[in-house]
Amino acid sequence: MGFVSDYKKCLFQFLIYIITAQKKYYKKTTLQDADVQLELLRLFNDLSYDMRFIDEKRYQLISERLNEIGRLLGGWIKSQKETSTTNGK
């Protein structure tokens, strides 16, 4: 498989984790999997820039968006941890 194909698979897998977490009652493991996938997306973005597939402007734009997604995901994970501690889980 090629680099772009792997990058797309990583992105789609991230989306699958997010959709799955929305539908599950117990979300913690799925959200952790999504967090790992997000790190892989960051790595793909870095490699894309390093290999000159994208320019600096696009790299920065994607990085900013991935960071924002990371903040949102981190908040979601934190809220699930708080929920599980208040429910005695």
N, C-alpha and C. Protein backbone atom coordinates (compact mmCIF):
# COMPACT_ATOMS: atom_id res chain seq x y z
N MET A 1 0.83 -1.19 0.00
CA MET A 1 0.00 0.00 0.00
C MET A 1 0.86 1.24 0.00
N GLY A 2 0.33 2.29 -0.56
CA GLY A 2 1.06 3.55 -0.61
C GLY A 2 0.81 4.40 0.60
N PHE A 3 1.62 5.43 0.73
CA PHE A 3 1.54 6.34 1.87
C PHE A 3 0.17 6.99 1.99
N VAL A 4 -0.33 7.52 0.89
CA VAL A 4 -1.63 8.21 0.92
C VAL A 4 -2.75 7.25 1.31
N SER A 5 -2.69 6.05 0.80
CA SER A 5 -3.68 5.04 1.14
C SER A 5 -3.66 4.72 2.64
N ASP A 6 -2.46 4.59 3.19
CA ASP A 6 -2.32 4.33 4.63
C ASP A 6 -2.85 5.51 5.45
N TYR A 7 -2.56 6.71 4.99
CA TYR A 7 -3.03 7.93 5.66
C TYR A 7 -4.56 7.96 5.68
N LYS A 8 -5.17 7.67 4.55
CA LYS A 8 -6.63 7.64 4.47
C LYS A 8 -7.22 6.57 5.38
N LYS A 9 -6.61 5.39 5.39
CA LYS A 9 -7.10 4.32 6.27
C LYS A 9 -7.04 4.75 7.72
N CYS A 10 -5.98 5.44 8.10
CA CYS A 10 -5.82 5.93 9.46
C CYS A 10 -6.93 6.94 9.80
N LEU A 11 -7.20 7.84 8.88
CA LEU A 11 -8.25 8.83 9.09
C LEU A 11 -9.62 8.16 9.22
N PHE A 12 -9.91 7.21 8.34
CA PHE A 12 -11.20 6.53 8.42
C PHE A 12 -11.33 5.70 9.69
N GLN A 13 -10.24 5.09 10.13
CA GLN A 13 -10.28 4.33 11.38
C GLN A 13 -10.55 5.26 12.57
N PHE A 14 -9.96 6.46 12.53
CA PHE A 14 -10.23 7.45 13.58
C PHE A 14 -11.72 7.79 13.61
N LEU A 15 -12.29 8.03 12.43
CA LEU A 15 -13.71 8.35 12.36
C LEU A 15 -14.58 7.20 12.87
N ILE A 16 -14.18 5.98 12.57
CA ILE A 16 -14.91 4.81 13.06
C ILE A 16 -14.90 4.77 14.58
N TYR A 17 -13.73 5.04 15.18
CA TYR A 17 -13.65 5.06 16.65
C TYR A 17 -14.56 6.13 17.24
N ILE A 18 -14.58 7.31 16.63
CA ILE A 18 -15.42 8.40 17.15
C ILE A 18 -16.90 8.03 17.04
N ILE A 19 -17.31 7.52 15.91
CA ILE A 19 -18.72 7.13 15.73
C ILE A 19 -19.07 6.00 16.69
N THR A 20 -18.19 5.03 16.84
CA THR A 20 -18.43 3.91 17.76
C THR A 20 -18.56 4.41 19.19
N ALA A 21 -17.69 5.34 19.59
CA ALA A 21 -17.75 5.88 20.96
C ALA A 21 -19.06 6.60 21.21
N GLN A 22 -19.57 7.30 20.19
CA GLN A 22 -20.85 7.99 20.35
C GLN A 22 -21.98 7.01 20.64
N LYS A 23 -21.90 5.83 20.08
CA LYS A 23 -22.99 4.86 20.18
C LYS A 23 -22.87 3.93 21.39
N LYS A 24 -21.68 3.83 21.98
CA LYS A 24 -21.46 2.89 23.08
C LYS A 24 -21.84 3.51 24.42
N TYR A 25 -22.25 2.65 25.34
CA TYR A 25 -22.51 3.10 26.71
C TYR A 25 -21.18 3.27 27.44
N TYR A 26 -20.30 2.28 27.34
CA TYR A 26 -18.96 2.38 27.92
C TYR A 26 -18.01 2.81 26.81
N LYS A 27 -17.48 4.01 26.93
CA LYS A 27 -16.74 4.64 25.85
C LYS A 27 -15.23 4.67 26.05
N LYS A 28 -14.78 4.42 27.27
CA LYS A 28 -13.39 4.68 27.64
C LYS A 28 -12.37 4.02 26.70
N THR A 29 -12.49 2.73 26.47
CA THR A 29 -11.52 2.02 25.63
C THR A 29 -11.54 2.53 24.20
N THR A 30 -12.73 2.76 23.67
CA THR A 30 -12.85 3.24 22.29
C THR A 30 -12.26 4.63 22.16
N LEU A 31 -12.46 5.49 23.16
CA LEU A 31 -11.88 6.82 23.12
C LEU A 31 -10.35 6.77 23.22
N GLN A 32 -9.84 5.84 24.01
CA GLN A 32 -8.39 5.67 24.08
C GLN A 32 -7.83 5.20 22.73
N ASP A 33 -8.56 4.31 22.08
CA ASP A 33 -8.15 3.86 20.74
C ASP A 33 -8.16 5.04 19.76
N ALA A 34 -9.17 5.89 19.86
CA ALA A 34 -9.25 7.08 19.00
C ALA A 34 -8.06 8.01 19.26
N ASP A 35 -7.68 8.12 20.53
CA ASP A 35 -6.54 8.97 20.90
C ASP A 35 -5.25 8.45 20.27
N VAL A 36 -5.06 7.15 20.28
CA VAL A 36 -3.89 6.54 19.64
C VAL A 36 -3.93 6.83 18.13
N GLN A 37 -5.09 6.67 17.54
CA GLN A 37 -5.24 6.90 16.10
C GLN A 37 -4.94 8.37 15.76
N LEU A 38 -5.35 9.27 16.65
CA LEU A 38 -5.07 10.69 16.43
C LEU A 38 -3.56 10.94 16.43
N GLU A 39 -2.84 10.26 17.31
CA GLU A 39 -1.38 10.40 17.31
C GLU A 39 -0.78 9.90 15.99
N LEU A 40 -1.35 8.83 15.46
CA LEU A 40 -0.89 8.34 14.16
C LEU A 40 -1.17 9.36 13.06
N LEU A 41 -2.32 10.03 13.13
CA LEU A 41 -2.63 11.07 12.14
C LEU A 41 -1.62 12.21 12.24
N ARG A 42 -1.23 12.56 13.46
CA ARG A 42 -0.21 13.60 13.63
C ARG A 42 1.11 13.15 13.00
N LEU A 43 1.45 11.89 13.20
CA LEU A 43 2.68 11.35 12.61
C LEU A 43 2.61 11.40 11.08
N PHE A 44 1.48 10.99 10.52
CA PHE A 44 1.31 11.05 9.07
C PHE A 44 1.45 12.50 8.56
N ASN A 45 0.90 13.45 9.30
CA ASN A 45 1.02 14.85 8.90
C ASN A 45 2.48 15.28 8.92
N ASP A 46 3.20 14.92 9.97
CA ASP A 46 4.63 15.25 10.05
C ASP A 46 5.41 14.63 8.89
N LEU A 47 5.14 13.37 8.63
CA LEU A 47 5.84 12.69 7.53
C LEU A 47 5.50 13.31 6.18
N SER A 48 4.24 13.69 6.01
CA SER A 48 3.82 14.33 4.76
C SER A 48 4.63 15.60 4.50
N TYR A 49 4.84 16.36 5.58
CA TYR A 49 5.62 17.58 5.45
C TYR A 49 7.10 17.27 5.21
N ASP A 50 7.62 16.34 6.00
CA ASP A 50 9.04 15.97 5.87
C ASP A 50 9.37 15.44 4.48
N MET A 51 8.44 14.71 3.89
CA MET A 51 8.67 14.14 2.56
C MET A 51 8.24 15.10 1.44
N ARG A 52 7.88 16.32 1.84
CA ARG A 52 7.50 17.38 0.91
C ARG A 52 6.25 17.06 0.09
N PHE A 53 5.34 16.29 0.67
CA PHE A 53 4.06 16.04 0.01
C PHE A 53 3.12 17.23 0.19
N ILE A 54 3.33 17.96 1.29
CA ILE A 54 2.52 19.15 1.57
C ILE A 54 3.46 20.30 1.92
N ASP A 55 2.98 21.52 1.68
CA ASP A 55 3.80 22.69 2.02
C ASP A 55 3.58 23.10 3.48
N GLU A 56 4.35 24.07 3.92
CA GLU A 56 4.32 24.47 5.33
C GLU A 56 2.96 25.02 5.75
N LYS A 57 2.33 25.77 4.87
CA LYS A 57 1.01 26.35 5.19
C LYS A 57 -0.02 25.25 5.45
N ARG A 58 -0.06 24.26 4.58
CA ARG A 58 -1.01 23.16 4.74
C ARG A 58 -0.67 22.34 5.98
N TYR A 59 0.63 22.12 6.21
CA TYR A 59 1.08 21.39 7.39
C TYR A 59 0.59 22.08 8.66
N GLN A 60 0.76 23.40 8.74
CA GLN A 60 0.33 24.15 9.91
C GLN A 60 -1.18 24.10 10.08
N LEU A 61 -1.91 24.22 9.00
CA LEU A 61 -3.37 24.17 9.06
C LEU A 61 -3.84 22.81 9.59
N ILE A 62 -3.28 21.74 9.03
CA ILE A 62 -3.67 20.39 9.49
C ILE A 62 -3.26 20.20 10.94
N SER A 63 -2.08 20.66 11.32
CA SER A 63 -1.61 20.53 12.70
C SER A 63 -2.55 21.24 13.67
N GLU A 64 -2.98 22.45 13.31
CA GLU A 64 -3.91 23.20 14.16
C GLU A 64 -5.22 22.45 14.32
N ARG A 65 -5.72 21.89 13.24
CA ARG A 65 -6.99 21.16 13.31
C ARG A 65 -6.84 19.88 14.12
N LEU A 66 -5.73 19.17 13.95
CA LEU A 66 -5.50 17.96 14.74
C LEU A 66 -5.35 18.30 16.22
N ASN A 67 -4.72 19.42 16.52
CA ASN A 67 -4.60 19.85 17.92
C ASN A 67 -5.96 20.18 18.53
N GLU A 68 -6.80 20.84 17.75
CA GLU A 68 -8.15 21.15 18.24
C GLU A 68 -8.95 19.87 18.47
N ILE A 69 -8.85 18.93 17.54
CA ILE A 69 -9.52 17.64 17.72
C ILE A 69 -8.98 16.95 18.96
N GLY A 70 -7.67 17.06 19.19
CA GLY A 70 -7.05 16.47 20.38
C GLY A 70 -7.59 17.08 21.66
N ARG A 71 -7.80 18.39 21.67
CA ARG A 71 -8.36 19.04 22.86
C ARG A 71 -9.80 18.56 23.11
N LEU A 72 -10.58 18.48 22.04
CA LEU A 72 -11.96 18.00 22.17
C LEU A 72 -11.99 16.55 22.66
N LEU A 73 -11.16 15.71 22.07
CA LEU A 73 -11.11 14.32 22.45
C LEU A 73 -10.62 14.17 23.89
N GLY A 74 -9.61 14.95 24.27
CA GLY A 74 -9.12 14.92 25.65
C GLY A 74 -10.20 15.31 26.64
N GLY A 75 -11.00 16.31 26.31
CA GLY A 75 -12.11 16.70 27.17
C GLY A 75 -13.14 15.60 27.29
N TRP A 76 -13.41 14.92 26.20
CA TRP A 76 -14.38 13.82 26.19
C TRP A 76 -13.87 12.68 27.07
N ILE A 77 -12.59 12.36 26.92
CA ILE A 77 -11.99 11.29 27.73
C ILE A 77 -12.04 11.67 29.21
N LYS A 78 -11.71 12.92 29.51
CA LYS A 78 -11.75 13.39 30.91
C LYS A 78 -13.16 13.30 31.48
N SER A 79 -14.15 13.68 30.68
CA SER A 79 -15.53 13.62 31.17
C SER A 79 -15.97 12.18 31.42
N GLN A 80 -15.48 11.24 30.62
CA GLN A 80 -15.80 9.83 30.83
C GLN A 80 -15.15 9.30 32.10
N LYS A 81 -13.92 9.76 32.38
CA LYS A 81 -13.24 9.35 33.61
C LYS A 81 -13.97 9.87 34.82
N GLU A 82 -14.44 11.12 34.74
CA GLU A 82 -15.19 11.72 35.85
C GLU A 82 -16.51 10.99 36.05
N THR A 83 -17.17 10.63 34.97
CA THR A 83 -18.43 9.90 35.05
C THR A 83 -18.23 8.54 35.68
N SER A 84 -17.14 7.86 35.30
CA SER A 84 -16.91 6.51 35.84
C SER A 84 -16.54 6.56 37.31
N THR A 85 -15.88 7.64 37.77
CA THR A 85 -15.54 7.72 39.20
C THR A 85 -16.75 8.08 40.03
N THR A 86 -17.68 8.86 39.49
CA THR A 86 -18.88 9.20 40.24
C THR A 86 -19.88 8.05 40.28
N ASN A 87 -19.79 7.15 39.30
CA ASN A 87 -20.66 5.99 39.27
C ASN A 87 -20.05 4.78 39.95
N GLY A 88 -18.84 4.93 40.49
CA GLY A 88 -18.20 3.83 41.19
C GLY A 88 -17.59 2.80 40.26
N LYS A 89 -17.30 3.16 39.04
CA LYS A 89 -16.72 2.21 38.07
C LYS A 89 -15.22 2.28 38.12
